[in-house]
Amino acid sequence: MRKKSEQEKNRDFRFAFKCAQSFFELSKPFLEEVGSDLNGGVLVAAQDPGALVSAATNLSLSLELFIKSLRVGLGLSVPDTHNFWALYKSLPNNVKQIIESKYNQKVSNTPKEKLFKLNVAYEHDSTGDGPKAPVFPNQQGLSTEVKPLLKRSSNAFVTWRYIYESVKPGERYFFITLEYSHLIILLETIKEYIRENDPKNKKP
């Protein structure tokens, strides 16, 4: 079957928005549990890694679809990619300025003790090379502004969806970080921008 070209595809940004919201709702139970009890959430993730993987995958797909919904609503093309940064970087500068200003304000207004992330070490082979206990990469001083956040997390959907393929031969661990608090704040900011600028929500 011939694949439709970019010009031939018909996209409904409101339907994309609803799908994005649905995937976000699926991610919430686990992420809210971690947010209310980080230690308990880590224990849940260790006992049921599928809960973490499914929540991370759904959150990542939701953010991707919100950005794609925004692009469609703005009349922009939608690149055939899951990469967050590739989808976001070519948005109009005035749109990015508004989103990033609101995002920064939300982050500033959120107590630091409410901003969580999960550092995960996936052990592929307990007999492989490397220390028995994982030594996590140093992530001190990383900027949480939109550009570096999206660049670090750009392949989150593909990575989490195929995490079982991620360990390289001869390596014992695969390390991945889910900066879910900041990603959720960005997601909510983009969602608000879409709602505020949807003509259906504008009063005559």
N, C-alpha and C. Protein backbone atom coordinates (compact mmCIF):
# COMPACT_ATOMS: atom_id res chain seq x y z
N MET A 1 0.85 -1.20 0.00
CA MET A 1 0.00 0.00 0.00
C MET A 1 0.88 1.25 0.00
N ARG A 2 0.54 2.18 -0.86
CA ARG A 2 1.34 3.40 -0.97
C ARG A 2 1.16 4.27 0.27
N LYS A 3 2.28 4.70 0.80
CA LYS A 3 2.24 5.57 1.98
C LYS A 3 1.85 6.98 1.55
N LYS A 4 0.92 7.57 2.29
CA LYS A 4 0.48 8.92 1.97
C LYS A 4 1.59 9.93 2.17
N SER A 5 1.67 10.88 1.26
CA SER A 5 2.64 11.95 1.42
C SER A 5 2.16 12.91 2.49
N GLU A 6 3.09 13.78 2.94
CA GLU A 6 2.74 14.77 3.96
C GLU A 6 1.56 15.62 3.52
N GLN A 7 1.52 15.99 2.21
CA GLN A 7 0.46 16.87 1.72
C GLN A 7 -0.89 16.16 1.67
N GLU A 8 -0.89 14.81 1.53
CA GLU A 8 -2.13 14.08 1.38
C GLU A 8 -2.79 13.74 2.70
N LYS A 9 -2.05 13.81 3.78
CA LYS A 9 -2.58 13.41 5.07
C LYS A 9 -3.54 14.47 5.61
N ASN A 10 -4.69 14.00 6.06
CA ASN A 10 -5.67 14.90 6.69
C ASN A 10 -5.57 14.72 8.19
N ARG A 11 -5.32 15.81 8.88
CA ARG A 11 -5.13 15.73 10.32
C ARG A 11 -6.12 16.63 11.04
N ASP A 12 -6.66 16.13 12.12
CA ASP A 12 -7.59 16.89 12.96
C ASP A 12 -6.88 17.18 14.27
N PHE A 13 -6.51 18.44 14.50
CA PHE A 13 -5.69 18.73 15.67
C PHE A 13 -6.47 18.54 16.97
N ARG A 14 -7.79 18.71 16.94
CA ARG A 14 -8.58 18.49 18.16
C ARG A 14 -8.64 17.01 18.52
N PHE A 15 -8.72 16.16 17.51
CA PHE A 15 -8.71 14.72 17.76
C PHE A 15 -7.34 14.29 18.29
N ALA A 16 -6.28 14.84 17.69
CA ALA A 16 -4.93 14.57 18.18
C ALA A 16 -4.80 15.01 19.63
N PHE A 17 -5.38 16.16 19.95
CA PHE A 17 -5.36 16.70 21.31
C PHE A 17 -6.04 15.73 22.28
N LYS A 18 -7.19 15.20 21.88
CA LYS A 18 -7.93 14.27 22.75
C LYS A 18 -7.13 12.98 22.95
N CYS A 19 -6.50 12.49 21.89
CA CYS A 19 -5.67 11.29 22.01
C CYS A 19 -4.50 11.54 22.96
N ALA A 20 -3.87 12.72 22.81
CA ALA A 20 -2.76 13.08 23.68
C ALA A 20 -3.20 13.09 25.14
N GLN A 21 -4.36 13.67 25.39
CA GLN A 21 -4.88 13.73 26.75
C GLN A 21 -5.14 12.34 27.31
N SER A 22 -5.66 11.44 26.46
CA SER A 22 -5.95 10.07 26.91
C SER A 22 -4.68 9.33 27.30
N PHE A 23 -3.63 9.47 26.50
CA PHE A 23 -2.37 8.82 26.85
C PHE A 23 -1.79 9.41 28.14
N PHE A 24 -1.97 10.72 28.33
CA PHE A 24 -1.50 11.35 29.56
C PHE A 24 -2.23 10.79 30.77
N GLU A 25 -3.53 10.61 30.65
CA GLU A 25 -4.32 10.07 31.76
C GLU A 25 -3.86 8.66 32.12
N LEU A 26 -3.45 7.88 31.12
CA LEU A 26 -2.96 6.53 31.39
C LEU A 26 -1.64 6.54 32.16
N SER A 27 -0.87 7.58 31.99
CA SER A 27 0.43 7.66 32.69
C SER A 27 0.30 8.13 34.13
N LYS A 28 -0.81 8.76 34.44
CA LYS A 28 -0.94 9.45 35.73
C LYS A 28 -0.88 8.56 36.97
N PRO A 29 -1.59 7.42 37.03
CA PRO A 29 -1.61 6.66 38.30
C PRO A 29 -0.23 6.35 38.85
N PHE A 30 0.66 5.84 38.01
CA PHE A 30 2.00 5.51 38.48
C PHE A 30 2.78 6.77 38.84
N LEU A 31 2.74 7.78 37.98
CA LEU A 31 3.53 9.00 38.21
C LEU A 31 3.03 9.75 39.44
N GLU A 32 1.73 9.75 39.67
CA GLU A 32 1.20 10.39 40.88
C GLU A 32 1.60 9.63 42.12
N GLU A 33 1.67 8.31 42.02
CA GLU A 33 2.12 7.51 43.16
C GLU A 33 3.57 7.81 43.49
N VAL A 34 4.40 7.92 42.47
CA VAL A 34 5.80 8.26 42.69
C VAL A 34 5.92 9.67 43.26
N GLY A 35 5.11 10.59 42.74
CA GLY A 35 5.16 11.97 43.19
C GLY A 35 4.75 12.14 44.64
N SER A 36 3.83 11.28 45.12
CA SER A 36 3.39 11.39 46.51
C SER A 36 4.30 10.61 47.45
N ASP A 37 5.03 9.64 46.92
CA ASP A 37 5.92 8.82 47.74
C ASP A 37 7.04 8.31 46.85
N LEU A 38 8.12 9.09 46.77
CA LEU A 38 9.20 8.74 45.84
C LEU A 38 9.78 7.38 46.17
N ASN A 39 10.02 7.10 47.45
CA ASN A 39 10.60 5.81 47.83
C ASN A 39 9.65 4.66 47.48
N GLY A 40 8.36 4.88 47.76
CA GLY A 40 7.37 3.86 47.43
C GLY A 40 7.26 3.65 45.94
N GLY A 41 7.34 4.73 45.19
CA GLY A 41 7.27 4.64 43.74
C GLY A 41 8.44 3.87 43.17
N VAL A 42 9.63 4.12 43.72
CA VAL A 42 10.81 3.40 43.27
C VAL A 42 10.66 1.91 43.57
N LEU A 43 10.07 1.59 44.72
CA LEU A 43 9.83 0.19 45.07
C LEU A 43 8.86 -0.45 44.09
N VAL A 44 7.80 0.28 43.75
CA VAL A 44 6.83 -0.22 42.77
C VAL A 44 7.52 -0.48 41.43
N ALA A 45 8.37 0.46 41.02
CA ALA A 45 9.07 0.32 39.75
C ALA A 45 9.99 -0.89 39.76
N ALA A 46 10.63 -1.15 40.91
CA ALA A 46 11.52 -2.30 41.02
C ALA A 46 10.74 -3.61 40.98
N GLN A 47 9.58 -3.62 41.64
CA GLN A 47 8.77 -4.83 41.70
C GLN A 47 7.98 -5.06 40.41
N ASP A 48 7.57 -3.96 39.78
CA ASP A 48 6.77 -4.06 38.55
C ASP A 48 7.32 -3.06 37.53
N PRO A 49 8.45 -3.39 36.89
CA PRO A 49 9.04 -2.44 35.94
C PRO A 49 8.11 -2.10 34.78
N GLY A 50 7.16 -3.01 34.50
CA GLY A 50 6.19 -2.72 33.44
C GLY A 50 5.35 -1.50 33.74
N ALA A 51 5.09 -1.24 35.02
CA ALA A 51 4.30 -0.06 35.41
C ALA A 51 5.06 1.21 35.06
N LEU A 52 6.35 1.20 35.33
CA LEU A 52 7.20 2.36 34.99
C LEU A 52 7.30 2.52 33.49
N VAL A 53 7.58 1.44 32.78
CA VAL A 53 7.78 1.52 31.33
C VAL A 53 6.50 1.99 30.63
N SER A 54 5.36 1.46 31.04
CA SER A 54 4.10 1.87 30.40
C SER A 54 3.77 3.32 30.72
N ALA A 55 4.01 3.76 31.96
CA ALA A 55 3.75 5.16 32.32
C ALA A 55 4.67 6.10 31.54
N ALA A 56 5.95 5.75 31.47
CA ALA A 56 6.92 6.59 30.75
C ALA A 56 6.60 6.63 29.26
N THR A 57 6.21 5.50 28.68
CA THR A 57 5.88 5.45 27.26
C THR A 57 4.64 6.28 26.96
N ASN A 58 3.62 6.14 27.80
CA ASN A 58 2.39 6.91 27.59
C ASN A 58 2.61 8.41 27.78
N LEU A 59 3.41 8.77 28.78
CA LEU A 59 3.71 10.19 28.98
C LEU A 59 4.47 10.74 27.77
N SER A 60 5.42 9.99 27.27
CA SER A 60 6.22 10.44 26.13
C SER A 60 5.36 10.57 24.88
N LEU A 61 4.48 9.59 24.64
CA LEU A 61 3.61 9.67 23.47
C LEU A 61 2.63 10.84 23.60
N SER A 62 2.17 11.09 24.81
CA SER A 62 1.26 12.21 25.03
C SER A 62 1.93 13.53 24.69
N LEU A 63 3.15 13.74 25.17
CA LEU A 63 3.86 14.99 24.86
C LEU A 63 4.08 15.12 23.36
N GLU A 64 4.48 14.03 22.72
CA GLU A 64 4.67 14.05 21.26
C GLU A 64 3.39 14.48 20.55
N LEU A 65 2.25 13.92 20.95
CA LEU A 65 0.99 14.22 20.28
C LEU A 65 0.51 15.65 20.57
N PHE A 66 0.80 16.16 21.76
CA PHE A 66 0.44 17.55 22.04
C PHE A 66 1.24 18.50 21.14
N ILE A 67 2.52 18.21 20.95
CA ILE A 67 3.32 19.06 20.06
C ILE A 67 2.83 18.93 18.62
N LYS A 68 2.50 17.71 18.20
CA LYS A 68 1.99 17.52 16.84
C LYS A 68 0.63 18.18 16.67
N SER A 69 -0.21 18.11 17.69
CA SER A 69 -1.50 18.79 17.64
C SER A 69 -1.31 20.28 17.48
N LEU A 70 -0.36 20.83 18.21
CA LEU A 70 -0.06 22.26 18.10
C LEU A 70 0.41 22.61 16.69
N ARG A 71 1.27 21.78 16.12
CA ARG A 71 1.76 22.04 14.76
C ARG A 71 0.61 22.04 13.76
N VAL A 72 -0.28 21.07 13.88
CA VAL A 72 -1.42 21.01 12.95
C VAL A 72 -2.30 22.24 13.13
N GLY A 73 -2.56 22.62 14.39
CA GLY A 73 -3.39 23.79 14.65
C GLY A 73 -2.79 25.07 14.10
N LEU A 74 -1.47 25.12 14.02
CA LEU A 74 -0.79 26.29 13.48
C LEU A 74 -0.63 26.24 11.97
N GLY A 75 -1.10 25.14 11.37
CA GLY A 75 -0.98 25.00 9.92
C GLY A 75 0.41 24.59 9.47
N LEU A 76 1.19 24.00 10.35
CA LEU A 76 2.55 23.56 10.02
C LEU A 76 2.56 22.10 9.61
N SER A 77 3.58 21.72 8.88
CA SER A 77 3.77 20.31 8.55
C SER A 77 4.14 19.55 9.82
N VAL A 78 3.93 18.25 9.77
CA VAL A 78 4.27 17.40 10.92
C VAL A 78 5.34 16.41 10.50
N PRO A 79 6.58 16.63 10.92
CA PRO A 79 7.66 15.71 10.53
C PRO A 79 7.35 14.28 10.97
N ASP A 80 7.77 13.33 10.17
CA ASP A 80 7.54 11.92 10.46
C ASP A 80 8.59 11.43 11.45
N THR A 81 8.43 11.86 12.70
CA THR A 81 9.41 11.53 13.73
C THR A 81 8.74 11.53 15.09
N HIS A 82 9.35 10.81 16.03
CA HIS A 82 8.92 10.85 17.43
C HIS A 82 9.78 11.80 18.26
N ASN A 83 10.79 12.38 17.65
CA ASN A 83 11.80 13.18 18.35
C ASN A 83 11.20 14.50 18.83
N PHE A 84 11.15 14.70 20.15
CA PHE A 84 10.55 15.90 20.72
C PHE A 84 11.18 17.18 20.18
N TRP A 85 12.51 17.22 20.20
CA TRP A 85 13.20 18.45 19.82
C TRP A 85 12.99 18.75 18.34
N ALA A 86 13.01 17.72 17.50
CA ALA A 86 12.79 17.93 16.07
C ALA A 86 11.39 18.49 15.82
N LEU A 87 10.42 18.07 16.61
CA LEU A 87 9.04 18.55 16.45
C LEU A 87 8.87 19.96 17.00
N TYR A 88 9.60 20.28 18.05
CA TYR A 88 9.39 21.56 18.75
C TYR A 88 10.21 22.69 18.15
N LYS A 89 11.43 22.42 17.73
CA LYS A 89 12.39 23.50 17.43
C LYS A 89 11.94 24.41 16.30
N SER A 90 11.14 23.91 15.34
CA SER A 90 10.74 24.74 14.21
C SER A 90 9.38 25.40 14.39
N LEU A 91 8.85 25.37 15.62
CA LEU A 91 7.65 26.15 15.90
C LEU A 91 7.97 27.63 15.74
N PRO A 92 6.99 28.46 15.44
CA PRO A 92 7.25 29.91 15.34
C PRO A 92 7.86 30.44 16.63
N ASN A 93 8.80 31.35 16.50
CA ASN A 93 9.49 31.88 17.67
C ASN A 93 8.55 32.51 18.69
N ASN A 94 7.52 33.22 18.21
CA ASN A 94 6.59 33.86 19.15
C ASN A 94 5.82 32.82 19.96
N VAL A 95 5.51 31.69 19.33
CA VAL A 95 4.81 30.61 20.04
C VAL A 95 5.73 30.01 21.09
N LYS A 96 6.97 29.74 20.71
CA LYS A 96 7.93 29.16 21.67
C LYS A 96 8.19 30.11 22.83
N GLN A 97 8.25 31.40 22.54
CA GLN A 97 8.49 32.37 23.61
C GLN A 97 7.38 32.35 24.65
N ILE A 98 6.14 32.27 24.19
CA ILE A 98 5.00 32.21 25.11
C ILE A 98 5.04 30.93 25.92
N ILE A 99 5.24 29.81 25.25
CA ILE A 99 5.27 28.51 25.93
C ILE A 99 6.40 28.47 26.95
N GLU A 100 7.57 28.92 26.56
CA GLU A 100 8.72 28.83 27.45
C GLU A 100 8.61 29.79 28.63
N SER A 101 8.01 30.94 28.40
CA SER A 101 7.80 31.89 29.50
C SER A 101 6.84 31.30 30.53
N LYS A 102 5.74 30.70 30.05
CA LYS A 102 4.78 30.10 30.98
C LYS A 102 5.36 28.88 31.68
N TYR A 103 6.12 28.10 30.93
CA TYR A 103 6.77 26.93 31.52
C TYR A 103 7.73 27.35 32.64
N ASN A 104 8.58 28.34 32.36
CA ASN A 104 9.54 28.81 33.37
C ASN A 104 8.83 29.33 34.61
N GLN A 105 7.71 30.00 34.40
CA GLN A 105 6.95 30.52 35.54
C GLN A 105 6.38 29.39 36.38
N LYS A 106 5.85 28.36 35.70
CA LYS A 106 5.29 27.21 36.42
C LYS A 106 6.38 26.49 37.21
N VAL A 107 7.55 26.33 36.59
CA VAL A 107 8.65 25.66 37.29
C VAL A 107 9.07 26.48 38.51
N SER A 108 9.16 27.80 38.34
CA SER A 108 9.56 28.68 39.45
C SER A 108 8.55 28.63 40.59
N ASN A 109 7.27 28.45 40.26
CA ASN A 109 6.21 28.43 41.27
C ASN A 109 6.02 27.06 41.91
N THR A 110 6.76 26.06 41.42
CA THR A 110 6.64 24.71 41.97
C THR A 110 7.76 24.49 42.98
N PRO A 111 7.42 24.13 44.23
CA PRO A 111 8.48 23.87 45.22
C PRO A 111 9.45 22.81 44.71
N LYS A 112 10.73 23.02 44.98
CA LYS A 112 11.75 22.10 44.47
C LYS A 112 11.51 20.68 44.95
N GLU A 113 10.94 20.55 46.15
CA GLU A 113 10.70 19.19 46.66
C GLU A 113 9.56 18.49 45.93
N LYS A 114 8.87 19.20 45.05
CA LYS A 114 7.80 18.61 44.25
C LYS A 114 8.24 18.32 42.82
N LEU A 115 9.49 18.60 42.52
CA LEU A 115 10.01 18.35 41.17
C LEU A 115 10.83 17.05 41.20
N PHE A 116 10.26 16.01 40.63
CA PHE A 116 10.87 14.69 40.72
C PHE A 116 11.39 14.22 39.37
N LYS A 117 12.34 13.30 39.42
CA LYS A 117 12.76 12.54 38.25
C LYS A 117 13.19 11.17 38.74
N LEU A 118 13.15 10.22 37.85
CA LEU A 118 13.56 8.86 38.18
C LEU A 118 14.80 8.51 37.37
N ASN A 119 15.85 8.10 38.06
CA ASN A 119 17.05 7.59 37.41
C ASN A 119 16.98 6.07 37.46
N VAL A 120 16.96 5.45 36.31
CA VAL A 120 16.72 4.02 36.22
C VAL A 120 17.95 3.32 35.64
N ALA A 121 18.35 2.23 36.29
CA ALA A 121 19.39 1.36 35.76
C ALA A 121 18.74 0.03 35.41
N TYR A 122 18.71 -0.28 34.13
CA TYR A 122 18.14 -1.54 33.68
C TYR A 122 19.27 -2.55 33.54
N GLU A 123 19.24 -3.59 34.38
CA GLU A 123 20.29 -4.60 34.36
C GLU A 123 19.92 -5.70 33.38
N HIS A 124 20.73 -5.83 32.36
CA HIS A 124 20.45 -6.80 31.31
C HIS A 124 20.99 -8.19 31.66
N ASP A 125 22.17 -8.22 32.21
CA ASP A 125 22.83 -9.50 32.45
C ASP A 125 23.69 -9.40 33.70
N SER A 126 23.28 -10.09 34.75
CA SER A 126 24.00 -9.98 36.03
C SER A 126 25.40 -10.56 35.96
N THR A 127 25.69 -11.29 34.90
CA THR A 127 27.05 -11.85 34.76
C THR A 127 27.91 -11.01 33.83
N GLY A 128 27.37 -9.90 33.33
CA GLY A 128 28.11 -9.07 32.38
C GLY A 128 29.20 -8.25 33.04
N ASP A 129 29.89 -7.48 32.21
CA ASP A 129 30.97 -6.64 32.72
C ASP A 129 30.41 -5.48 33.53
N GLY A 130 31.24 -4.98 34.41
CA GLY A 130 30.84 -3.81 35.18
C GLY A 130 30.55 -4.16 36.63
N PRO A 131 30.43 -3.13 37.47
CA PRO A 131 30.20 -3.34 38.91
C PRO A 131 28.83 -3.97 39.18
N LYS A 132 28.74 -4.68 40.30
CA LYS A 132 27.46 -5.29 40.66
C LYS A 132 26.40 -4.24 40.96
N ALA A 133 26.82 -3.14 41.57
CA ALA A 133 25.89 -2.04 41.84
C ALA A 133 26.06 -0.98 40.75
N PRO A 134 24.96 -0.49 40.18
CA PRO A 134 25.08 0.49 39.09
C PRO A 134 25.66 1.81 39.58
N VAL A 135 26.52 2.40 38.79
CA VAL A 135 27.07 3.72 39.08
C VAL A 135 26.43 4.69 38.11
N PHE A 136 25.50 5.50 38.61
CA PHE A 136 24.72 6.36 37.76
C PHE A 136 25.57 7.53 37.22
N PRO A 137 25.32 7.95 35.98
CA PRO A 137 26.03 9.11 35.43
C PRO A 137 25.75 10.36 36.27
N ASN A 138 26.73 11.24 36.35
CA ASN A 138 26.57 12.49 37.09
C ASN A 138 25.67 13.44 36.31
N GLN A 139 24.55 13.84 36.94
CA GLN A 139 23.60 14.73 36.27
C GLN A 139 23.44 16.05 37.01
N GLN A 140 24.41 16.40 37.79
CA GLN A 140 24.34 17.64 38.56
C GLN A 140 24.44 18.85 37.62
N GLY A 141 23.65 19.86 37.92
CA GLY A 141 23.75 21.12 37.20
C GLY A 141 23.13 21.14 35.82
N LEU A 142 22.32 20.14 35.48
CA LEU A 142 21.67 20.13 34.17
C LEU A 142 20.56 21.17 34.12
N SER A 143 20.52 21.92 33.03
CA SER A 143 19.48 22.93 32.87
C SER A 143 18.14 22.25 32.62
N THR A 144 17.10 22.79 33.24
CA THR A 144 15.75 22.26 33.01
C THR A 144 14.93 23.19 32.12
N GLU A 145 15.60 24.14 31.44
CA GLU A 145 14.88 24.96 30.47
C GLU A 145 14.43 24.08 29.31
N VAL A 146 13.48 24.59 28.53
CA VAL A 146 12.80 23.77 27.54
C VAL A 146 13.75 23.12 26.55
N LYS A 147 14.67 23.90 25.97
CA LYS A 147 15.54 23.36 24.93
C LYS A 147 16.39 22.20 25.43
N PRO A 148 17.18 22.35 26.50
CA PRO A 148 17.99 21.21 26.95
C PRO A 148 17.15 20.04 27.46
N LEU A 149 16.00 20.36 28.07
CA LEU A 149 15.11 19.30 28.55
C LEU A 149 14.63 18.44 27.38
N LEU A 150 14.16 19.09 26.31
CA LEU A 150 13.67 18.35 25.16
C LEU A 150 14.79 17.62 24.43
N LYS A 151 15.97 18.22 24.38
CA LYS A 151 17.09 17.55 23.73
C LYS A 151 17.47 16.28 24.49
N ARG A 152 17.53 16.37 25.83
CA ARG A 152 17.88 15.19 26.63
C ARG A 152 16.81 14.10 26.51
N SER A 153 15.57 14.52 26.40
CA SER A 153 14.45 13.57 26.40
C SER A 153 13.91 13.31 25.01
N SER A 154 14.64 13.77 23.99
CA SER A 154 14.08 13.80 22.64
C SER A 154 13.60 12.44 22.14
N ASN A 155 14.29 11.37 22.51
CA ASN A 155 13.93 10.04 22.02
C ASN A 155 13.24 9.19 23.09
N ALA A 156 12.60 9.85 24.04
CA ALA A 156 12.02 9.12 25.18
C ALA A 156 11.01 8.07 24.76
N PHE A 157 10.13 8.42 23.81
CA PHE A 157 9.09 7.47 23.43
C PHE A 157 9.69 6.19 22.85
N VAL A 158 10.61 6.33 21.92
CA VAL A 158 11.23 5.16 21.30
C VAL A 158 12.07 4.40 22.33
N THR A 159 12.80 5.13 23.17
CA THR A 159 13.67 4.48 24.16
C THR A 159 12.87 3.64 25.14
N TRP A 160 11.81 4.23 25.70
CA TRP A 160 11.01 3.49 26.68
C TRP A 160 10.24 2.34 26.03
N ARG A 161 9.75 2.57 24.83
CA ARG A 161 8.96 1.53 24.15
C ARG A 161 9.84 0.32 23.83
N TYR A 162 11.10 0.57 23.51
CA TYR A 162 12.01 -0.52 23.15
C TYR A 162 13.13 -0.68 24.16
N ILE A 163 12.83 -0.44 25.42
CA ILE A 163 13.88 -0.47 26.43
C ILE A 163 14.54 -1.85 26.52
N TYR A 164 13.80 -2.90 26.18
CA TYR A 164 14.36 -4.25 26.25
C TYR A 164 15.45 -4.48 25.20
N GLU A 165 15.58 -3.56 24.25
CA GLU A 165 16.62 -3.67 23.22
C GLU A 165 17.80 -2.74 23.48
N SER A 166 17.80 -2.06 24.62
CA SER A 166 18.70 -0.91 24.79
C SER A 166 20.09 -1.24 25.29
N VAL A 167 20.28 -2.38 25.94
CA VAL A 167 21.60 -2.68 26.49
C VAL A 167 22.53 -3.16 25.38
N LYS A 168 23.70 -2.54 25.30
CA LYS A 168 24.67 -2.90 24.27
C LYS A 168 25.40 -4.19 24.67
N PRO A 169 25.83 -4.97 23.69
CA PRO A 169 26.57 -6.21 24.01
C PRO A 169 27.79 -5.93 24.87
N GLY A 170 27.96 -6.74 25.90
CA GLY A 170 29.12 -6.58 26.78
C GLY A 170 28.91 -5.60 27.91
N GLU A 171 27.78 -4.86 27.91
CA GLU A 171 27.50 -3.92 28.98
C GLU A 171 26.46 -4.51 29.92
N ARG A 172 26.60 -4.17 31.18
CA ARG A 172 25.72 -4.76 32.18
C ARG A 172 24.45 -3.94 32.38
N TYR A 173 24.57 -2.61 32.33
CA TYR A 173 23.44 -1.75 32.63
C TYR A 173 23.14 -0.78 31.49
N PHE A 174 21.87 -0.42 31.41
CA PHE A 174 21.44 0.68 30.56
C PHE A 174 20.82 1.73 31.49
N PHE A 175 21.30 2.97 31.39
CA PHE A 175 20.82 4.03 32.26
C PHE A 175 19.87 4.95 31.49
N ILE A 176 18.78 5.30 32.14
CA ILE A 176 17.81 6.22 31.53
C ILE A 176 17.18 7.05 32.64
N THR A 177 16.93 8.32 32.35
CA THR A 177 16.32 9.22 33.31
C THR A 177 14.98 9.69 32.79
N LEU A 178 13.99 9.64 33.64
CA LEU A 178 12.66 10.14 33.30
C LEU A 178 12.43 11.42 34.12
N GLU A 179 12.59 12.57 33.47
CA GLU A 179 12.39 13.86 34.14
C GLU A 179 10.90 14.22 34.07
N TYR A 180 10.10 13.39 34.72
CA TYR A 180 8.66 13.46 34.47
C TYR A 180 8.00 14.71 35.01
N SER A 181 8.49 15.27 36.11
CA SER A 181 7.86 16.50 36.64
C SER A 181 7.98 17.64 35.64
N HIS A 182 9.17 17.84 35.09
CA HIS A 182 9.37 18.93 34.14
C HIS A 182 8.68 18.64 32.81
N LEU A 183 8.68 17.38 32.39
CA LEU A 183 7.99 17.04 31.15
C LEU A 183 6.48 17.26 31.28
N ILE A 184 5.93 16.95 32.45
CA ILE A 184 4.50 17.17 32.68
C ILE A 184 4.19 18.67 32.69
N ILE A 185 5.05 19.46 33.31
CA ILE A 185 4.82 20.91 33.32
C ILE A 185 4.84 21.45 31.90
N LEU A 186 5.79 20.99 31.08
CA LEU A 186 5.84 21.43 29.69
C LEU A 186 4.61 20.96 28.92
N LEU A 187 4.23 19.71 29.13
CA LEU A 187 3.04 19.16 28.49
C LEU A 187 1.81 19.99 28.83
N GLU A 188 1.63 20.29 30.12
CA GLU A 188 0.47 21.08 30.55
C GLU A 188 0.52 22.48 29.95
N THR A 189 1.70 23.05 29.81
CA THR A 189 1.84 24.38 29.24
C THR A 189 1.43 24.39 27.76
N ILE A 190 1.89 23.39 27.02
CA ILE A 190 1.51 23.29 25.61
C ILE A 190 0.01 23.05 25.48
N LYS A 191 -0.51 22.21 26.33
CA LYS A 191 -1.96 21.93 26.31
C LYS A 191 -2.76 23.21 26.55
N GLU A 192 -2.33 24.01 27.52
CA GLU A 192 -3.01 25.27 27.80
C GLU A 192 -2.94 26.22 26.60
N TYR A 193 -1.77 26.26 25.96
CA TYR A 193 -1.61 27.15 24.80
C TYR A 193 -2.58 26.75 23.69
N ILE A 194 -2.70 25.46 23.45
CA ILE A 194 -3.62 24.99 22.40
C ILE A 194 -5.05 25.38 22.73
N ARG A 195 -5.45 25.15 23.96
CA ARG A 195 -6.83 25.48 24.36
C ARG A 195 -7.10 26.99 24.25
N GLU A 196 -6.14 27.76 24.69
CA GLU A 196 -6.32 29.23 24.69
C GLU A 196 -6.40 29.80 23.28
N ASN A 197 -5.79 29.09 22.31
CA ASN A 197 -5.72 29.61 20.95
C ASN A 197 -6.57 28.83 19.95
N ASP A 198 -7.37 27.92 20.44
CA ASP A 198 -8.31 27.19 19.57
C ASP A 198 -9.46 28.13 19.23
N PRO A 199 -9.71 28.39 17.93
CA PRO A 199 -10.80 29.29 17.56
C PRO A 199 -12.15 28.91 18.15
N LYS A 200 -12.37 27.60 18.39
CA LYS A 200 -13.64 27.15 18.96
C LYS A 200 -13.84 27.66 20.38
N ASN A 201 -12.74 27.96 21.05
CA ASN A 201 -12.82 28.43 22.43
C ASN A 201 -12.84 29.95 22.53
N LYS A 202 -12.74 30.64 21.38
CA LYS A 202 -12.72 32.10 21.35
C LYS A 202 -14.15 32.63 21.29
N LYS A 203 -14.45 33.61 22.09
CA LYS A 203 -15.75 34.26 22.01
C LYS A 203 -15.74 35.28 20.88
N PRO A 204 -16.88 35.39 20.15
CA PRO A 204 -16.94 36.37 19.03
C PRO A 204 -16.66 37.78 19.52
